[in-house]
C-alpha atoms as a PDB file:
ATOM      1  CA  MET A   1     104.473  53.040  37.863  1.00  0.00           C
ATOM      2  CA  ILE A   2     107.956  54.328  37.179  1.00  0.00           C
ATOM      3  CA  LYS A   3     107.744  58.018  36.261  1.00  0.00           C
ATOM      4  CA  LYS A   4     111.447  59.104  36.385  1.00  0.00           C
ATOM      5  CA  ALA A   5     114.298  58.522  34.008  1.00  0.00           C
ATOM      6  CA  VAL A   6     118.057  59.279  34.078  1.00  0.00           C
ATOM      7  CA  LEU A   7     119.844  60.097  30.826  1.00  0.00           C
ATOM      8  CA  PRO A   8     123.655  60.225  31.190  1.00  0.00           C
ATOM      9  CA  VAL A   9     124.807  62.791  28.572  1.00  0.00           C
ATOM     10  CA  ALA A  10     128.132  64.060  30.061  1.00  0.00           C
ATOM     11  CA  GLY A  11     130.511  62.014  27.882  1.00  0.00           C
ATOM     12  CA  LEU A  12     132.636  63.720  25.372  1.00  0.00           C
ATOM     13  CA  GLY A  13     131.651  61.328  22.431  1.00  0.00           C
ATOM     14  CA  THR A  14     135.172  60.544  21.172  1.00  0.00           C
ATOM     15  CA  ARG A  15     133.827  57.658  19.063  1.00  0.00           C
ATOM     16  CA  CYS A  16     131.981  60.343  17.095  1.00  0.00           C
ATOM     17  CA  LEU A  17     134.796  62.652  16.299  1.00  0.00           C
ATOM     18  CA  PRO A  18     135.102  64.904  14.362  1.00  0.00           C
ATOM     19  CA  ALA A  19     131.314  65.445  14.360  1.00  0.00           C
ATOM     20  CA  SER A  20     131.234  65.753  18.120  1.00  0.00           C
ATOM     21  CA  LYS A  21     134.170  68.229  18.461  1.00  0.00           C
ATOM     22  CA  ALA A  22     132.023  71.416  18.797  1.00  0.00           C
ATOM     23  CA  ILE A  23     128.652  69.913  19.285  1.00  0.00           C
ATOM     24  CA  PRO A  24     127.375  67.206  21.730  1.00  0.00           C
ATOM     25  CA  LYS A  25     127.150  63.728  20.042  1.00  0.00           C
ATOM     26  CA  GLU A  26     123.596  63.530  21.364  1.00  0.00           C
ATOM     27  CA  MET A  27     122.648  66.573  19.145  1.00  0.00           C
ATOM     28  CA  ILE A  28     123.918  64.975  15.901  1.00  0.00           C
ATOM     29  CA  THR A  29     120.768  64.790  13.702  1.00  0.00           C
ATOM     30  CA  ILE A  30     118.998  61.555  12.525  1.00  0.00           C
ATOM     31  CA  VAL A  31     116.693  62.726   9.690  1.00  0.00           C
ATOM     32  CA  ASP A  32     115.140  65.885  11.225  1.00  0.00           C
ATOM     33  CA  LYS A  33     115.750  65.460  15.022  1.00  0.00           C
ATOM     34  CA  PRO A  34     118.758  65.097  17.269  1.00  0.00           C
ATOM     35  CA  VAL A  35     119.371  61.596  18.668  1.00  0.00           C
ATOM     36  CA  ILE A  36     118.612  62.742  22.301  1.00  0.00           C
ATOM     37  CA  GLN A  37     115.148  63.819  21.204  1.00  0.00           C
ATOM     38  CA  TYR A  38     114.378  60.199  20.008  1.00  0.00           C
ATOM     39  CA  VAL A  39     115.501  58.893  23.400  1.00  0.00           C
ATOM     40  CA  VAL A  40     113.327  61.428  25.333  1.00  0.00           C
ATOM     41  CA  GLU A  41     110.410  60.621  23.058  1.00  0.00           C
ATOM     42  CA  GLU A  42     110.950  56.818  23.894  1.00  0.00           C
ATOM     43  CA  ALA A  43     110.798  57.700  27.681  1.00  0.00           C
ATOM     44  CA  VAL A  44     107.682  59.880  27.294  1.00  0.00           C
ATOM     45  CA  ALA A  45     105.966  57.228  25.245  1.00  0.00           C
ATOM     46  CA  ALA A  46     106.609  54.799  28.140  1.00  0.00           C
ATOM     47  CA  GLY A  47     104.820  57.082  30.614  1.00  0.00           C
ATOM     48  CA  ILE A  48     108.042  58.942  32.076  1.00  0.00           C
ATOM     49  CA  LYS A  49     107.201  62.429  33.486  1.00  0.00           C
ATOM     50  CA  GLU A  50     110.606  63.450  34.950  1.00  0.00           C
ATOM     51  CA  ILE A  51     113.773  63.345  32.852  1.00  0.00           C
ATOM     52  CA  VAL A  52     117.023  63.911  34.524  1.00  0.00           C
ATOM     53  CA  LEU A  53     119.910  64.818  32.249  1.00  0.00           C
ATOM     54  CA  VAL A  54     123.302  64.102  33.865  1.00  0.00           C
ATOM     55  CA  THR A  55     125.282  66.559  31.861  1.00  0.00           C
ATOM     56  CA  HIS A  56     128.633  68.455  31.521  1.00  0.00           C
ATOM     57  CA  SER A  57     129.421  72.103  31.058  1.00  0.00           C
ATOM     58  CA  SER A  58     130.175  71.578  27.343  1.00  0.00           C
ATOM     59  CA  LYS A  59     126.618  70.141  26.711  1.00  0.00           C
ATOM     60  CA  SER A  60     124.384  73.218  27.150  1.00  0.00           C
ATOM     61  CA  ALA A  61     123.060  72.805  23.721  1.00  0.00           C
ATOM     62  CA  ILE A  62     121.121  69.683  24.942  1.00  0.00           C
ATOM     63  CA  GLU A  63     119.381  71.686  27.707  1.00  0.00           C
ATOM     64  CA  ASN A  64     118.621  74.534  25.215  1.00  0.00           C
ATOM     65  CA  HIS A  65     117.108  72.086  22.802  1.00  0.00           C
ATOM     66  CA  PHE A  66     114.403  71.262  25.401  1.00  0.00           C
ATOM     67  CA  ASP A  67     113.931  74.743  26.688  1.00  0.00           C
ATOM     68  CA  LYS A  68     111.745  77.418  25.076  1.00  0.00           C
ATOM     69  CA  ASN A  69     113.184  79.790  22.577  1.00  0.00           C
ATOM     70  CA  PHE A  70     110.877  82.839  22.651  1.00  0.00           C
ATOM     71  CA  GLU A  71     112.756  84.754  19.831  1.00  0.00           C
ATOM     72  CA  LEU A  72     112.409  81.794  17.494  1.00  0.00           C
ATOM     73  CA  GLU A  73     108.839  81.029  18.320  1.00  0.00           C
ATOM     74  CA  ALA A  74     107.894  84.696  17.814  1.00  0.00           C
ATOM     75  CA  MET A  75     109.587  84.806  14.451  1.00  0.00           C
ATOM     76  CA  LEU A  76     107.838  81.522  13.351  1.00  0.00           C
ATOM     77  CA  GLU A  77     104.482  82.949  14.450  1.00  0.00           C
ATOM     78  CA  ALA A  78     104.992  86.255  12.778  1.00  0.00           C
ATOM     79  CA  LYS A  79     105.795  84.489   9.346  1.00  0.00           C
ATOM     80  CA  GLY A  80     102.917  82.129   9.708  1.00  0.00           C
ATOM     81  CA  LYS A  81     105.014  78.986   9.781  1.00  0.00           C
ATOM     82  CA  ASP A  82     102.504  77.208  11.962  1.00  0.00           C
ATOM     83  CA  GLU A  83     103.706  73.657  11.381  1.00  0.00           C
ATOM     84  CA  LEU A  84     107.279  74.466  12.407  1.00  0.00           C
ATOM     85  CA  LEU A  85     106.076  76.453  15.377  1.00  0.00           C
ATOM     86  CA  ALA A  86     104.009  73.524  16.607  1.00  0.00           C
ATOM     87  CA  GLU A  87     106.974  71.260  16.207  1.00  0.00           C
ATOM     88  CA  VAL A  88     109.271  73.577  18.211  1.00  0.00           C
ATOM     89  CA  ARG A  89     106.707  74.076  20.932  1.00  0.00           C
ATOM     90  CA  ASN A  90     105.844  70.371  21.302  1.00  0.00           C
ATOM     91  CA  ILE A  91     109.354  68.843  21.590  1.00  0.00           C
ATOM     92  CA  VAL A  92     108.459  67.905  25.146  1.00  0.00           C
ATOM     93  CA  PRO A  93     104.790  67.611  26.454  1.00  0.00           C
ATOM     94  CA  GLU A  94     103.848  70.280  28.939  1.00  0.00           C
ATOM     95  CA  ASP A  95     103.355  67.703  31.652  1.00  0.00           C
ATOM     96  CA  VAL A  96     106.991  66.316  31.323  1.00  0.00           C
ATOM     97  CA  SER A  97     109.765  68.004  33.228  1.00  0.00           C
ATOM     98  CA  ILE A  98     113.468  68.208  32.014  1.00  0.00           C
ATOM     99  CA  ILE A  99     115.930  68.582  34.889  1.00  0.00           C
ATOM    100  CA  ALA A 100     119.645  68.945  34.455  1.00  0.00           C
ATOM    101  CA  VAL A 101     122.382  68.020  36.961  1.00  0.00           C
ATOM    102  CA  ARG A 102     126.121  68.131  36.459  1.00  0.00           C
ATOM    103  CA  GLN A 103     128.656  65.378  36.579  1.00  0.00           C
ATOM    104  CA  PRO A 104     131.606  67.355  37.491  1.00  0.00           C
ATOM    105  CA  VAL A 105     134.222  64.692  36.845  1.00  0.00           C
ATOM    106  CA  ALA A 106     134.053  61.782  34.281  1.00  0.00           C
ATOM    107  CA  LEU A 107     134.107  58.879  36.766  1.00  0.00           C
ATOM    108  CA  GLY A 108     131.899  56.448  34.827  1.00  0.00           C
ATOM    109  CA  LEU A 109     128.439  55.504  34.162  1.00  0.00           C
ATOM    110  CA  GLY A 110     127.830  54.455  37.773  1.00  0.00           C
ATOM    111  CA  HIS A 111     128.955  57.847  39.007  1.00  0.00           C
ATOM    112  CA  ALA A 112     126.680  59.635  36.525  1.00  0.00           C
ATOM    113  CA  VAL A 113     123.599  57.701  37.864  1.00  0.00           C
ATOM    114  CA  LEU A 114     124.705  58.519  41.397  1.00  0.00           C
ATOM    115  CA  CYS A 115     124.791  62.206  40.508  1.00  0.00           C
ATOM    116  CA  ALA A 116     120.958  62.055  39.842  1.00  0.00           C
ATOM    117  CA  GLN A 117     120.179  60.766  43.442  1.00  0.00           C
ATOM    118  CA  ALA A 118     119.075  64.155  44.873  1.00  0.00           C
ATOM    119  CA  VAL A 119     116.451  64.416  42.076  1.00  0.00           C
ATOM    120  CA  ILE A 120     115.225  60.791  41.983  1.00  0.00           C
ATOM    121  CA  GLY A 121     115.002  60.443  45.727  1.00  0.00           C
ATOM    122  CA  ASP A 122     113.561  57.190  46.969  1.00  0.00           C
ATOM    123  CA  ASP A 123     111.566  56.343  43.751  1.00  0.00           C
ATOM    124  CA  PRO A 124     112.371  53.620  41.289  1.00  0.00           C
ATOM    125  CA  PHE A 125     113.693  54.927  37.967  1.00  0.00           C
ATOM    126  CA  ALA A 126     114.816  54.338  34.463  1.00  0.00           C
ATOM    127  CA  VAL A 127     118.293  54.719  33.036  1.00  0.00           C
ATOM    128  CA  LEU A 128     118.441  55.224  29.192  1.00  0.00           C
ATOM    129  CA  LEU A 129     121.889  55.556  27.501  1.00  0.00           C
ATOM    130  CA  PRO A 130     121.542  57.966  24.560  1.00  0.00           C
ATOM    131  CA  ASP A 131     124.089  56.111  22.523  1.00  0.00           C
ATOM    132  CA  VAL A 132     121.515  53.512  21.611  1.00  0.00           C
ATOM    133  CA  LEU A 133     118.211  54.233  19.995  1.00  0.00           C
ATOM    134  CA  VAL A 134     115.455  51.537  20.719  1.00  0.00           C
ATOM    135  CA  ASP A 135     112.874  51.555  17.925  1.00  0.00           C
ATOM    136  CA  ALA A 136     109.471  50.223  18.594  1.00  0.00           C
ATOM    137  CA  GLY A 137     108.435  50.294  14.785  1.00  0.00           C
ATOM    138  CA  GLU A 138     104.910  49.248  14.501  1.00  0.00           C
ATOM    139  CA  LEU A 139     104.646  47.744  17.993  1.00  0.00           C
ATOM    140  CA  PRO A 140     101.621  48.794  20.128  1.00  0.00           C
ATOM    141  CA  GLN A 141     103.917  49.880  22.974  1.00  0.00           C
ATOM    142  CA  ASN A 142     107.679  50.359  23.207  1.00  0.00           C
ATOM    143  CA  ASP A 143     110.034  48.120  25.060  1.00  0.00           C
ATOM    144  CA  LEU A 144     110.694  50.533  27.893  1.00  0.00           C
ATOM    145  CA  ALA A 145     106.868  50.411  28.637  1.00  0.00           C
ATOM    146  CA  GLY A 146     107.130  46.588  28.604  1.00  0.00           C
ATOM    147  CA  MET A 147     109.950  46.746  31.102  1.00  0.00           C
ATOM    148  CA  ILE A 148     107.997  48.933  33.462  1.00  0.00           C
ATOM    149  CA  GLU A 149     105.174  46.410  33.371  1.00  0.00           C
ATOM    150  CA  ALA A 150     107.770  43.734  34.250  1.00  0.00           C
ATOM    151  CA  TYR A 151     109.071  45.761  37.120  1.00  0.00           C
ATOM    152  CA  ASP A 152     105.767  46.472  38.492  1.00  0.00           C
ATOM    153  CA  LYS A 153     104.976  42.730  38.434  1.00  0.00           C
ATOM    154  CA  SER A 154     108.162  41.382  39.921  1.00  0.00           C
ATOM    155  CA  GLY A 155     109.585  44.386  41.805  1.00  0.00           C
ATOM    156  CA  GLN A 156     113.027  43.499  40.617  1.00  0.00           C
ATOM    157  CA  ALA A 157     115.436  45.512  38.696  1.00  0.00           C
ATOM    158  CA  GLN A 158     115.130  45.020  34.899  1.00  0.00           C
ATOM    159  CA  ILE A 159     118.008  45.075  32.253  1.00  0.00           C
ATOM    160  CA  MET A 160     117.019  45.238  28.733  1.00  0.00           C
ATOM    161  CA  VAL A 161     118.827  42.671  26.456  1.00  0.00           C
ATOM    162  CA  GLU A 162     118.713  41.624  22.826  1.00  0.00           C
ATOM    163  CA  ASN A 163     119.834  38.494  21.067  1.00  0.00           C
ATOM    164  CA  VAL A 164     123.091  38.817  19.145  1.00  0.00           C
ATOM    165  CA  PRO A 165     124.954  36.336  17.006  1.00  0.00           C
ATOM    166  CA  GLN A 166     126.972  33.941  19.052  1.00  0.00           C
ATOM    167  CA  ASP A 167     130.158  34.823  17.250  1.00  0.00           C
ATOM    168  CA  MET A 168     129.591  38.526  18.259  1.00  0.00           C
ATOM    169  CA  THR A 169     129.184  37.980  22.009  1.00  0.00           C
ATOM    170  CA  HIS A 170     132.790  39.049  22.621  1.00  0.00           C
ATOM    171  CA  LYS A 171     131.774  42.605  21.864  1.00  0.00           C
ATOM    172  CA  TYR A 172     129.061  42.994  24.441  1.00  0.00           C
ATOM    173  CA  GLY A 173     128.101  42.629  28.092  1.00  0.00           C
ATOM    174  CA  ILE A 174     126.377  39.168  28.177  1.00  0.00           C
ATOM    175  CA  VAL A 175     123.898  38.010  30.732  1.00  0.00           C
ATOM    176  CA  ALA A 176     123.787  34.662  32.493  1.00  0.00           C
ATOM    177  CA  LEU A 177     120.313  33.340  33.165  1.00  0.00           C
ATOM    178  CA  GLU A 178     118.772  31.142  35.820  1.00  0.00           C
ATOM    179  CA  GLY A 179     116.776  29.083  33.218  1.00  0.00           C
ATOM    180  CA  GLU A 180     115.886  29.317  29.472  1.00  0.00           C
ATOM    181  CA  ALA A 181     116.149  32.593  27.652  1.00  0.00           C
ATOM    182  CA  PRO A 182     112.853  34.608  27.902  1.00  0.00           C
ATOM    183  CA  ALA A 183     110.681  35.167  24.831  1.00  0.00           C
ATOM    184  CA  PRO A 184     110.676  38.640  23.379  1.00  0.00           C
ATOM    185  CA  GLY A 185     108.604  40.865  25.730  1.00  0.00           C
ATOM    186  CA  ASP A 186     109.358  38.639  28.753  1.00  0.00           C
ATOM    187  CA  SER A 187     111.731  38.636  31.674  1.00  0.00           C
ATOM    188  CA  ALA A 188     113.880  35.952  33.241  1.00  0.00           C
ATOM    189  CA  PRO A 189     115.930  35.935  36.530  1.00  0.00           C
ATOM    190  CA  LEU A 190     119.685  36.746  36.144  1.00  0.00           C
ATOM    191  CA  THR A 191     122.527  34.878  37.685  1.00  0.00           C
ATOM    192  CA  GLY A 192     125.131  37.393  36.617  1.00  0.00           C
ATOM    193  CA  MET A 193     126.657  39.437  33.766  1.00  0.00           C
ATOM    194  CA  VAL A 194     129.919  38.914  32.027  1.00  0.00           C
ATOM    195  CA  GLU A 195     131.680  41.890  30.101  1.00  0.00           C
ATOM    196  CA  LYS A 196     132.822  40.842  26.575  1.00  0.00           C
ATOM    197  CA  PRO A 197     133.509  37.239  27.250  1.00  0.00           C
ATOM    198  CA  LYS A 198     135.347  34.924  24.838  1.00  0.00           C
ATOM    199  CA  VAL A 199     132.802  33.441  22.417  1.00  0.00           C
ATOM    200  CA  GLU A 200     133.341  30.059  23.779  1.00  0.00           C
ATOM    201  CA  GLU A 201     132.682  31.218  27.382  1.00  0.00           C
ATOM    202  CA  ALA A 202     129.634  33.282  26.738  1.00  0.00           C
ATOM    203  CA  PRO A 203     126.803  32.226  29.093  1.00  0.00           C
ATOM    204  CA  SER A 204     124.096  33.171  26.584  1.00  0.00           C
ATOM    205  CA  SER A 205     123.814  35.198  23.507  1.00  0.00           C
ATOM    206  CA  LEU A 206     121.680  37.975  25.145  1.00  0.00           C
ATOM    207  CA  ALA A 207     123.578  41.297  25.303  1.00  0.00           C
ATOM    208  CA  VAL A 208     122.814  44.363  27.467  1.00  0.00           C
ATOM    209  CA  ILE A 209     121.860  47.242  25.358  1.00  0.00           C
ATOM    210  CA  GLY A 210     121.591  50.272  27.593  1.00  0.00           C
ATOM    211  CA  ARG A 211     118.147  50.302  29.178  1.00  0.00           C
ATOM    212  CA  TYR A 212     117.690  49.614  33.020  1.00  0.00           C
ATOM    213  CA  LEU A 213     114.876  49.972  35.528  1.00  0.00           C
ATOM    214  CA  LEU A 214     116.320  50.275  39.011  1.00  0.00           C
ATOM    215  CA  PRO A 215     115.199  50.690  42.663  1.00  0.00           C
ATOM    216  CA  ALA A 216     116.560  53.590  44.763  1.00  0.00           C
ATOM    217  CA  ALA A 217     118.500  50.868  46.708  1.00  0.00           C
ATOM    218  CA  ILE A 218     121.051  51.143  43.833  1.00  0.00           C
ATOM    219  CA  PHE A 219     122.324  54.482  45.163  1.00  0.00           C
ATOM    220  CA  PRO A 220     123.944  53.421  48.432  1.00  0.00           C
ATOM    221  CA  LEU A 221     125.491  50.526  46.512  1.00  0.00           C
ATOM    222  CA  LEU A 222     126.979  52.905  43.864  1.00  0.00           C
ATOM    223  CA  ALA A 223     128.220  55.097  46.723  1.00  0.00           C
ATOM    224  CA  GLU A 224     130.146  52.175  48.138  1.00  0.00           C
ATOM    225  CA  THR A 225     131.395  50.798  44.754  1.00  0.00           C
ATOM    226  CA  LYS A 226     135.065  51.147  44.264  1.00  0.00           C
ATOM    227  CA  PRO A 227     136.427  52.186  40.957  1.00  0.00           C
ATOM    228  CA  GLY A 228     136.830  49.289  38.518  1.00  0.00           C
ATOM    229  CA  ALA A 229     137.657  49.071  34.785  1.00  0.00           C
ATOM    230  CA  GLY A 230     139.133  52.355  33.573  1.00  0.00           C
ATOM    231  CA  ASN A 231     139.344  53.508  37.188  1.00  0.00           C
ATOM    232  CA  GLU A 232     135.617  54.369  36.882  1.00  0.00           C
ATOM    233  CA  ILE A 233     132.620  53.551  39.059  1.00  0.00           C
ATOM    234  CA  GLN A 234     131.024  50.837  37.027  1.00  0.00           C
ATOM    235  CA  LEU A 235     127.081  50.567  37.140  1.00  0.00           C
ATOM    236  CA  THR A 236     127.582  46.820  36.282  1.00  0.00           C
ATOM    237  CA  ASP A 237     129.507  46.314  39.628  1.00  0.00           C
ATOM    238  CA  ALA A 238     126.756  47.888  41.598  1.00  0.00           C
ATOM    239  CA  LEU A 239     123.957  45.827  39.676  1.00  0.00           C
ATOM    240  CA  GLU A 240     125.879  42.655  40.509  1.00  0.00           C
ATOM    241  CA  THR A 241     125.565  43.465  44.245  1.00  0.00           C
ATOM    242  CA  LEU A 242     121.879  44.482  43.845  1.00  0.00           C
ATOM    243  CA  ARG A 243     121.223  41.195  41.972  1.00  0.00           C
ATOM    244  CA  GLN A 244     122.837  39.186  45.002  1.00  0.00           C
ATOM    245  CA  GLN A 245     120.876  41.103  47.480  1.00  0.00           C
ATOM    246  CA  GLN A 246     117.457  41.603  45.842  1.00  0.00           C
ATOM    247  CA  GLY A 247     117.499  39.676  42.481  1.00  0.00           C
ATOM    248  CA  ALA A 248     117.359  41.191  38.981  1.00  0.00           C
ATOM    249  CA  GLU A 249     115.869  40.143  35.666  1.00  0.00           C
ATOM    250  CA  ALA A 250     116.713  40.339  32.044  1.00  0.00           C
ATOM    251  CA  TYR A 251     114.030  41.795  29.892  1.00  0.00           C
ATOM    252  CA  ARG A 252     114.203  40.594  26.205  1.00  0.00           C
ATOM    253  CA  MET A 253     113.240  43.374  23.880  1.00  0.00           C
ATOM    254  CA  ARG A 254     110.938  43.043  20.912  1.00  0.00           C
ATOM    255  CA  GLY A 255     111.918  46.150  18.836  1.00  0.00           C
ATOM    256  CA  ASN A 256     115.172  47.095  17.115  1.00  0.00           C
ATOM    257  CA  THR A 257     118.319  48.897  18.347  1.00  0.00           C
ATOM    258  CA  TYR A 258     120.752  51.246  16.527  1.00  0.00           C
ATOM    259  CA  ASP A 259     124.078  51.913  18.103  1.00  0.00           C
ATOM    260  CA  CYS A 260     124.518  55.684  17.542  1.00  0.00           C
ATOM    261  CA  GLY A 261     127.855  55.637  19.429  1.00  0.00           C
ATOM    262  CA  HIS A 262     129.633  55.452  16.052  1.00  0.00           C
ATOM    263  CA  GLN A 263     129.166  56.544  12.545  1.00  0.00           C
ATOM    264  CA  LEU A 264     127.717  53.417  10.948  1.00  0.00           C
ATOM    265  CA  GLY A 265     125.186  53.196  13.677  1.00  0.00           C
ATOM    266  CA  TYR A 266     123.963  56.732  12.883  1.00  0.00           C
ATOM    267  CA  LEU A 267     123.744  55.802   9.227  1.00  0.00           C
ATOM    268  CA  GLU A 268     121.750  52.713   9.867  1.00  0.00           C
ATOM    269  CA  ALA A 269     119.399  54.621  12.239  1.00  0.00           C
ATOM    270  CA  THR A 270     118.994  57.223   9.476  1.00  0.00           C
ATOM    271  CA  LEU A 271     118.211  54.560   6.906  1.00  0.00           C
ATOM    272  CA  ALA A 272     115.705  52.792   9.103  1.00  0.00           C
ATOM    273  CA  LEU A 273     113.919  56.006  10.399  1.00  0.00           C
ATOM    274  CA  ALA A 274     113.973  57.940   7.086  1.00  0.00           C
ATOM    275  CA  LYS A 275     112.301  55.212   5.168  1.00  0.00           C
ATOM    276  CA  ARG A 276     109.046  55.628   7.233  1.00  0.00           C
ATOM    277  CA  HIS A 277     109.302  59.357   7.949  1.00  0.00           C
ATOM    278  CA  PRO A 278     105.749  60.953   7.461  1.00  0.00           C
ATOM    279  CA  GLN A 279     106.985  63.766   5.307  1.00  0.00           C
ATOM    280  CA  HIS A 280     110.289  62.594   3.803  1.00  0.00           C
ATOM    281  CA  GLY A 281     109.898  58.765   3.602  1.00  0.00           C
ATOM    282  CA  GLU A 282     108.614  58.547   0.135  1.00  0.00           C
ATOM    283  CA  GLY A 283     111.201  60.693  -1.236  1.00  0.00           C
ATOM    284  CA  PHE A 284     114.019  58.970   0.731  1.00  0.00           C
ATOM    285  CA  ARG A 285     112.819  55.530  -0.581  1.00  0.00           C
ATOM    286  CA  SER A 286     113.026  56.916  -4.155  1.00  0.00           C
ATOM    287  CA  LEU A 287     116.644  58.096  -3.430  1.00  0.00           C
ATOM    288  CA  LEU A 288     117.568  54.789  -2.046  1.00  0.00           C
ATOM    289  CA  GLY A 289     116.272  53.122  -5.262  1.00  0.00           C
ATOM    290  CA  HIS A 290     118.169  55.673  -7.378  1.00  0.00           C
ATOM    291  CA  TYR A 291     121.516  55.028  -5.799  1.00  0.00           C
ATOM    292  CA  ALA A 292     120.905  51.177  -5.617  1.00  0.00           C
ATOM    293  CA  ASN A 293     120.393  51.208  -9.376  1.00  0.00           C
ATOM    294  CA  GLU A 294     123.671  53.054  -9.792  1.00  0.00           C
ATOM    295  CA  GLY A 295     125.517  50.312  -7.875  1.00  0.00           C
END
C-alpha cells in the first residue's frame, strides 16, 4: 500500500495574480478552507500517512497552516469556541506527518519531485498537483484510493486521466493507449503521451490531470533527464522512459476535477463545494437562487 505523497507547491502562481502576489496560490480559500487543505484531505482519505511538501522560501504560510498554533488554540479554548478549536486542531490527523523540503531553483515539475527523493527513499509514492482539486462527491472512495488499488494489482505506474471534449484536446497532455479506453475506475496500458496535440492528431480524448503513482525507479530517471520544454526537467520525459522500461497505465477517474490554477477554476470549485457544505450549503443555494432570478 502506498503511504507517501509528494505535493509540489514551490511555484509562484502567476496565473492567479494578483491574488497570489502576497500569499501562496495554494492558500487561496475555497468556501472555508485553503485549496491545499482539500488536496491533503484527498491524500489522507486514500490512506496516505506521509505528505512531502516541495516548497519555496516564500511559501511558509503553507507549512504554518499544517503546524500547531498554540496561541490561537489557547485563545479559542479560553473563549469556549470548541467547534473552531476542534477544526483547527484536526486539520491533519495525528497519525499523518507533514514534511517540507525546499526546491531551491525553479527547474520544473520533474526537478520538484526529485527534491523529495531523500524523504521518499525506495518506496512507491503518489504525486498530487495542488492546482487541481479532485472531488469524490458521493463516491464510496476517492480516485486516488482507486489508483492505489490499481498500482497494487499491476505494480505499474498509474497516471490519472479524465475524458475531455475532442475539440479541447489541444489544451492538455493526452495519453495514447494500447487498446480501448478504460471504463471509469479502471486502468489500461499506456503507449505514450502527447503534450497539447492538434485536435486531428490527438491519440485519444483522455487528458492527464495531475495525479500520479510512481515507483522509486523514477528518481534515477529524473536525475538523468535533460531539461526540456521551458529549459525545465519535465516529469513527462522521465515517465516516458519509465513506461518504455517497466510499463505504465492510465487510470480513468470517476469523480470531478476543478482547475484551481486560474480564477474561473476557483469559482467553479467554490460553486460545487459550497452547494453541499454542511454549514453553509443551504444558505449558499438560496443565494444562488436569488442571483439567478436577478438575471
